[in-house]
PDB file of N, CA and C in Angstrom:
ATOM      1  N   MET A   1     -17.987  12.472  -5.018  1.00  0.00           N
ATOM      2  CA  MET A   1     -17.322  11.495  -5.992  1.00  0.00           C
ATOM      3  C   MET A   1     -15.915  11.788  -5.819  1.00  0.00           C
ATOM      4  N   ASN A   2     -15.188  10.502  -5.794  1.00  0.00           N
ATOM      5  CA  ASN A   2     -13.718  10.650  -5.747  1.00  0.00           C
ATOM      6  C   ASN A   2     -13.010  10.456  -7.014  1.00  0.00           C
ATOM      7  N   THR A   3     -12.250  11.723  -7.418  1.00  0.00           N
ATOM      8  CA  THR A   3     -11.754  11.684  -8.636  1.00  0.00           C
ATOM      9  C   THR A   3     -10.264  11.292  -8.568  1.00  0.00           C
ATOM     10  N   THR A   4      -9.797  10.723  -7.487  1.00  0.00           N
ATOM     11  CA  THR A   4      -8.505  10.326  -7.230  1.00  0.00           C
ATOM     12  C   THR A   4      -7.988   9.064  -8.153  1.00  0.00           C
ATOM     13  N   GLU A   5      -6.884   9.082  -8.729  1.00  0.00           N
ATOM     14  CA  GLU A   5      -6.456   8.086  -9.645  1.00  0.00           C
ATOM     15  C   GLU A   5      -6.121   6.872  -8.645  1.00  0.00           C
ATOM     16  N   PRO A   6      -6.634   5.604  -8.957  1.00  0.00           N
ATOM     17  CA  PRO A   6      -6.121   4.446  -8.075  1.00  0.00           C
ATOM     18  C   PRO A   6      -4.785   4.275  -8.089  1.00  0.00           C
ATOM     19  N   ALA A   7      -4.138   3.737  -7.063  1.00  0.00           N
ATOM     20  CA  ALA A   7      -2.702   3.310  -6.956  1.00  0.00           C
ATOM     21  C   ALA A   7      -2.670   2.043  -7.398  1.00  0.00           C
ATOM     22  N   TRP A   8      -1.958   1.881  -8.610  1.00  0.00           N
ATOM     23  CA  TRP A   8      -1.720   0.567  -9.272  1.00  0.00           C
ATOM     24  C   TRP A   8      -0.482  -0.016  -8.793  1.00  0.00           C
ATOM     25  N   PHE A   9      -0.595  -1.449  -8.776  1.00  0.00           N
ATOM     26  CA  PHE A   9       0.457  -2.306  -8.296  1.00  0.00           C
ATOM     27  C   PHE A   9       0.825  -3.268  -9.318  1.00  0.00           C
ATOM     28  N   LYS A  10       1.929  -3.531  -9.561  1.00  0.00           N
ATOM     29  CA  LYS A  10       2.385  -4.593 -10.641  1.00  0.00           C
ATOM     30  C   LYS A  10       2.341  -5.933 -10.050  1.00  0.00           C
ATOM     31  N   SER A  11       1.865  -6.926 -10.542  1.00  0.00           N
ATOM     32  CA  SER A  11       1.926  -8.404 -10.116  1.00  0.00           C
ATOM     33  C   SER A  11       3.221  -8.836  -9.724  1.00  0.00           C
ATOM     34  N   GLY A  12       3.577  -9.534  -8.866  1.00  0.00           N
ATOM     35  CA  GLY A  12       4.793 -10.200  -8.555  1.00  0.00           C
ATOM     36  C   GLY A  12       5.219 -11.195  -9.551  1.00  0.00           C
ATOM     37  N   TYR A  13       4.147 -11.657 -10.354  1.00  0.00           N
ATOM     38  CA  TYR A  13       4.355 -12.595 -11.389  1.00  0.00           C
ATOM     39  C   TYR A  13       4.704 -11.958 -12.704  1.00  0.00           C
ATOM     40  N   SER A  14       4.584 -10.785 -12.749  1.00  0.00           N
ATOM     41  CA  SER A  14       4.845  -9.951 -14.006  1.00  0.00           C
ATOM     42  C   SER A  14       6.331  -9.938 -14.230  1.00  0.00           C
ATOM     43  N   ASP A  15       6.887  -9.916 -15.480  1.00  0.00           N
ATOM     44  CA  ASP A  15       8.425 -10.000 -15.605  1.00  0.00           C
ATOM     45  C   ASP A  15       8.658  -8.494 -16.137  1.00  0.00           C
ATOM     46  N   ASN A  16       9.893  -8.152 -16.335  1.00  0.00           N
ATOM     47  CA  ASN A  16      10.393  -6.867 -16.778  1.00  0.00           C
ATOM     48  C   ASN A  16      10.874  -6.945 -18.219  1.00  0.00           C
ATOM     49  N   GLU A  17      10.618  -7.799 -18.884  1.00  0.00           N
ATOM     50  CA  GLU A  17      11.010  -8.026 -20.261  1.00  0.00           C
ATOM     51  C   GLU A  17       9.777  -7.673 -21.371  1.00  0.00           C
ATOM     52  N   GLY A  18       8.733  -7.000 -20.778  1.00  0.00           N
ATOM     53  CA  GLY A  18       7.709  -6.806 -21.547  1.00  0.00           C
ATOM     54  C   GLY A  18       6.541  -7.735 -21.743  1.00  0.00           C
ATOM     55  N   GLU A  19       6.585  -8.753 -21.078  1.00  0.00           N
ATOM     56  CA  GLU A  19       5.395  -9.804 -21.167  1.00  0.00           C
ATOM     57  C   GLU A  19       4.686  -9.816 -19.748  1.00  0.00           C
ATOM     58  N   ALA A  20       3.528 -10.294 -19.839  1.00  0.00           N
ATOM     59  CA  ALA A  20       2.787 -10.621 -18.591  1.00  0.00           C
ATOM     60  C   ALA A  20       2.570  -9.421 -17.575  1.00  0.00           C
ATOM     61  N   ARG A  21       2.515  -8.275 -18.048  1.00  0.00           N
ATOM     62  CA  ARG A  21       2.240  -7.101 -17.308  1.00  0.00           C
ATOM     63  C   ARG A  21       0.795  -6.805 -16.704  1.00  0.00           C
ATOM     64  N   VAL A  22       0.506  -7.387 -15.417  1.00  0.00           N
ATOM     65  CA  VAL A  22      -0.636  -7.340 -14.883  1.00  0.00           C
ATOM     66  C   VAL A  22      -0.735  -6.477 -13.725  1.00  0.00           C
ATOM     67  N   GLU A  23      -1.482  -5.437 -13.693  1.00  0.00           N
ATOM     68  CA  GLU A  23      -1.519  -4.665 -12.583  1.00  0.00           C
ATOM     69  C   GLU A  23      -2.915  -4.500 -11.800  1.00  0.00           C
ATOM     70  N   ILE A  24      -2.856  -4.297 -10.640  1.00  0.00           N
ATOM     71  CA  ILE A  24      -4.119  -4.075  -9.785  1.00  0.00           C
ATOM     72  C   ILE A  24      -4.145  -2.834  -8.979  1.00  0.00           C
ATOM     73  N   ALA A  25      -5.358  -2.428  -8.848  1.00  0.00           N
ATOM     74  CA  ALA A  25      -5.468  -1.192  -7.897  1.00  0.00           C
ATOM     75  C   ALA A  25      -6.655  -1.530  -6.896  1.00  0.00           C
ATOM     76  N   PRO A  26      -6.368  -2.129  -5.672  1.00  0.00           N
ATOM     77  CA  PRO A  26      -7.513  -2.346  -4.811  1.00  0.00           C
ATOM     78  C   PRO A  26      -8.011  -1.081  -4.290  1.00  0.00           C
ATOM     79  N   ALA A  27      -9.436  -1.099  -4.037  1.00  0.00           N
ATOM     80  CA  ALA A  27     -10.193  -0.223  -3.475  1.00  0.00           C
ATOM     81  C   ALA A  27     -10.911  -0.609  -2.413  1.00  0.00           C
ATOM     82  N   LEU A  28     -11.847   0.108  -1.804  1.00  0.00           N
ATOM     83  CA  LEU A  28     -12.545  -0.125  -0.632  1.00  0.00           C
ATOM     84  C   LEU A  28     -13.484  -1.393  -1.004  1.00  0.00           C
ATOM     85  N   THR A  29     -14.217  -1.556  -2.011  1.00  0.00           N
ATOM     86  CA  THR A  29     -15.071  -2.513  -2.323  1.00  0.00           C
ATOM     87  C   THR A  29     -14.821  -3.328  -3.576  1.00  0.00           C
ATOM     88  N   ILE A  30     -14.009  -2.762  -4.341  1.00  0.00           N
ATOM     89  CA  ILE A  30     -13.678  -3.405  -5.777  1.00  0.00           C
ATOM     90  C   ILE A  30     -12.111  -3.503  -5.962  1.00  0.00           C
ATOM     91  N   VAL A  31     -11.798  -4.237  -6.963  1.00  0.00           N
ATOM     92  CA  VAL A  31     -10.295  -4.436  -7.291  1.00  0.00           C
ATOM     93  C   VAL A  31     -10.209  -4.116  -8.832  1.00  0.00           C
ATOM     94  N   HIS A  32      -9.596  -3.065  -9.212  1.00  0.00           N
ATOM     95  CA  HIS A  32      -9.287  -2.746 -10.774  1.00  0.00           C
ATOM     96  C   HIS A  32      -8.148  -3.621 -11.261  1.00  0.00           C
ATOM     97  N   ILE A  33      -8.422  -4.113 -12.380  1.00  0.00           N
ATOM     98  CA  ILE A  33      -7.262  -4.769 -13.007  1.00  0.00           C
ATOM     99  C   ILE A  33      -7.176  -4.386 -14.448  1.00  0.00           C
ATOM    100  N   ARG A  34      -5.808  -4.183 -14.615  1.00  0.00           N
ATOM    101  CA  ARG A  34      -5.376  -3.767 -16.141  1.00  0.00           C
ATOM    102  C   ARG A  34      -4.201  -4.516 -16.720  1.00  0.00           C
ATOM    103  N   ASP A  35      -4.030  -4.372 -18.056  1.00  0.00           N
ATOM    104  CA  ASP A  35      -2.621  -4.855 -18.559  1.00  0.00           C
ATOM    105  C   ASP A  35      -1.847  -3.612 -18.745  1.00  0.00           C
ATOM    106  N   SER A  36      -0.800  -3.584 -18.155  1.00  0.00           N
ATOM    107  CA  SER A  36       0.227  -2.221 -18.319  1.00  0.00           C
ATOM    108  C   SER A  36       0.721  -2.194 -19.665  1.00  0.00           C
ATOM    109  N   GLU A  37       0.450  -2.913 -20.524  1.00  0.00           N
ATOM    110  CA  GLU A  37       1.076  -2.842 -21.930  1.00  0.00           C
ATOM    111  C   GLU A  37       0.631  -1.461 -22.581  1.00  0.00           C
ATOM    112  N   TYR A  38      -0.776  -1.068 -22.258  1.00  0.00           N
ATOM    113  CA  TYR A  38      -1.001   0.140 -22.889  1.00  0.00           C
ATOM    114  C   TYR A  38      -0.391   1.390 -22.294  1.00  0.00           C
ATOM    115  N   PRO A  39      -0.486   2.493 -23.130  1.00  0.00           N
ATOM    116  CA  PRO A  39      -0.014   3.676 -22.645  1.00  0.00           C
ATOM    117  C   PRO A  39      -0.754   4.160 -21.439  1.00  0.00           C
ATOM    118  N   GLU A  40      -0.115   4.868 -20.557  1.00  0.00           N
ATOM    119  CA  GLU A  40      -0.829   5.467 -19.303  1.00  0.00           C
ATOM    120  C   GLU A  40      -2.137   6.065 -19.560  1.00  0.00           C
ATOM    121  N   GLY A  41      -2.966   5.726 -18.968  1.00  0.00           N
ATOM    122  CA  GLY A  41      -4.464   6.211 -19.041  1.00  0.00           C
ATOM    123  C   GLY A  41      -5.242   5.679 -20.271  1.00  0.00           C
ATOM    124  N   ALA A  42      -4.769   4.904 -21.176  1.00  0.00           N
ATOM    125  CA  ALA A  42      -5.415   4.193 -22.153  1.00  0.00           C
ATOM    126  C   ALA A  42      -5.733   2.853 -22.029  1.00  0.00           C
ATOM    127  N   ALA A  43      -5.199   2.186 -20.840  1.00  0.00           N
ATOM    128  CA  ALA A  43      -5.470   0.830 -20.630  1.00  0.00           C
ATOM    129  C   ALA A  43      -7.031   0.551 -20.330  1.00  0.00           C
ATOM    130  N   PRO A  44      -7.811  -0.474 -20.958  1.00  0.00           N
ATOM    131  CA  PRO A  44      -8.913  -0.821 -20.544  1.00  0.00           C
ATOM    132  C   PRO A  44      -8.814  -1.423 -19.125  1.00  0.00           C
ATOM    133  N   THR A  45      -9.767  -1.431 -18.354  1.00  0.00           N
ATOM    134  CA  THR A  45      -9.732  -1.891 -17.016  1.00  0.00           C
ATOM    135  C   THR A  45     -10.978  -2.845 -16.774  1.00  0.00           C
ATOM    136  N   LEU A  46     -10.683  -3.752 -15.851  1.00  0.00           N
ATOM    137  CA  LEU A  46     -11.922  -4.588 -15.278  1.00  0.00           C
ATOM    138  C   LEU A  46     -11.927  -4.325 -13.924  1.00  0.00           C
ATOM    139  N   ALA A  47     -13.173  -4.246 -13.463  1.00  0.00           N
ATOM    140  CA  ALA A  47     -13.371  -4.078 -11.872  1.00  0.00           C
ATOM    141  C   ALA A  47     -14.215  -5.406 -11.421  1.00  0.00           C
ATOM    142  N   VAL A  48     -13.775  -5.743 -10.306  1.00  0.00           N
ATOM    143  CA  VAL A  48     -14.473  -6.792  -9.640  1.00  0.00           C
ATOM    144  C   VAL A  48     -14.664  -6.814  -8.157  1.00  0.00           C
ATOM    145  N   THR A  49     -15.607  -7.376  -7.615  1.00  0.00           N
ATOM    146  CA  THR A  49     -15.798  -7.090  -6.194  1.00  0.00           C
ATOM    147  C   THR A  49     -14.538  -7.744  -5.540  1.00  0.00           C
ATOM    148  N   CYS A  50     -14.324  -7.238  -4.238  1.00  0.00           N
ATOM    149  CA  CYS A  50     -13.214  -7.931  -3.345  1.00  0.00           C
ATOM    150  C   CYS A  50     -13.477  -9.500  -3.301  1.00  0.00           C
ATOM    151  N   THR A  51     -14.764  -9.917  -3.060  1.00  0.00           N
ATOM    152  CA  THR A  51     -15.081 -11.174  -3.013  1.00  0.00           C
ATOM    153  C   THR A  51     -14.811 -12.017  -4.137  1.00  0.00           C
ATOM    154  N   THR A  52     -15.049 -11.456  -5.297  1.00  0.00           N
ATOM    155  CA  THR A  52     -14.681 -12.255  -6.557  1.00  0.00           C
ATOM    156  C   THR A  52     -13.304 -12.277  -6.824  1.00  0.00           C
ATOM    157  N   TRP A  53     -12.519 -11.188  -6.358  1.00  0.00           N
ATOM    158  CA  TRP A  53     -10.921 -11.185  -6.453  1.00  0.00           C
ATOM    159  C   TRP A  53     -10.495 -12.247  -5.541  1.00  0.00           C
ATOM    160  N   THR A  54     -10.786 -12.373  -4.361  1.00  0.00           N
ATOM    161  CA  THR A  54     -10.361 -13.424  -3.318  1.00  0.00           C
ATOM    162  C   THR A  54     -10.713 -14.809  -3.813  1.00  0.00           C
ATOM    163  N   ALA A  55     -11.830 -15.020  -4.437  1.00  0.00           N
ATOM    164  CA  ALA A  55     -12.235 -16.255  -5.057  1.00  0.00           C
ATOM    165  C   ALA A  55     -11.253 -16.613  -6.006  1.00  0.00           C
ATOM    166  N   PHE A  56     -10.859 -15.699  -6.911  1.00  0.00           N
ATOM    167  CA  PHE A  56      -9.961 -15.992  -7.956  1.00  0.00           C
ATOM    168  C   PHE A  56      -8.640 -16.364  -7.499  1.00  0.00           C
ATOM    169  N   LEU A  57      -8.053 -15.642  -6.480  1.00  0.00           N
ATOM    170  CA  LEU A  57      -6.802 -15.934  -6.036  1.00  0.00           C
ATOM    171  C   LEU A  57      -6.718 -17.105  -5.447  1.00  0.00           C
ATOM    172  N   ARG A  58      -7.908 -17.654  -4.775  1.00  0.00           N
ATOM    173  CA  ARG A  58      -7.834 -19.001  -4.062  1.00  0.00           C
ATOM    174  C   ARG A  58      -7.839 -20.094  -5.059  1.00  0.00           C
ATOM    175  N   SER A  59      -8.243 -19.771  -6.260  1.00  0.00           N
ATOM    176  CA  SER A  59      -8.580 -20.856  -7.182  1.00  0.00           C
ATOM    177  C   SER A  59      -7.313 -20.974  -8.047  1.00  0.00           C
ATOM    178  N   VAL A  60      -6.365 -19.932  -8.036  1.00  0.00           N
ATOM    179  CA  VAL A  60      -5.111 -20.198  -8.899  1.00  0.00           C
ATOM    180  C   VAL A  60      -3.807 -20.468  -8.052  1.00  0.00           C
ATOM    181  N   ARG A  61      -3.986 -20.606  -6.831  1.00  0.00           N
ATOM    182  CA  ARG A  61      -2.828 -20.996  -5.859  1.00  0.00           C
ATOM    183  C   ARG A  61      -2.610 -22.293  -5.768  1.00  0.00           C
TER     184      ARG A  61
END
């Protein structure tokens, strides 16, 4: 089991004024998604397959 913390990346569409803070952490077969408004380690996360993430990105472009 891998206990390494995922590497989180802030969305390029997120601003620095405290609004719309979405982060993702891509992994081998899934993508973790969270709202960085929460304190470190307390944010609920959503995990989707890479296929689902790709379909989502294509739908919002």
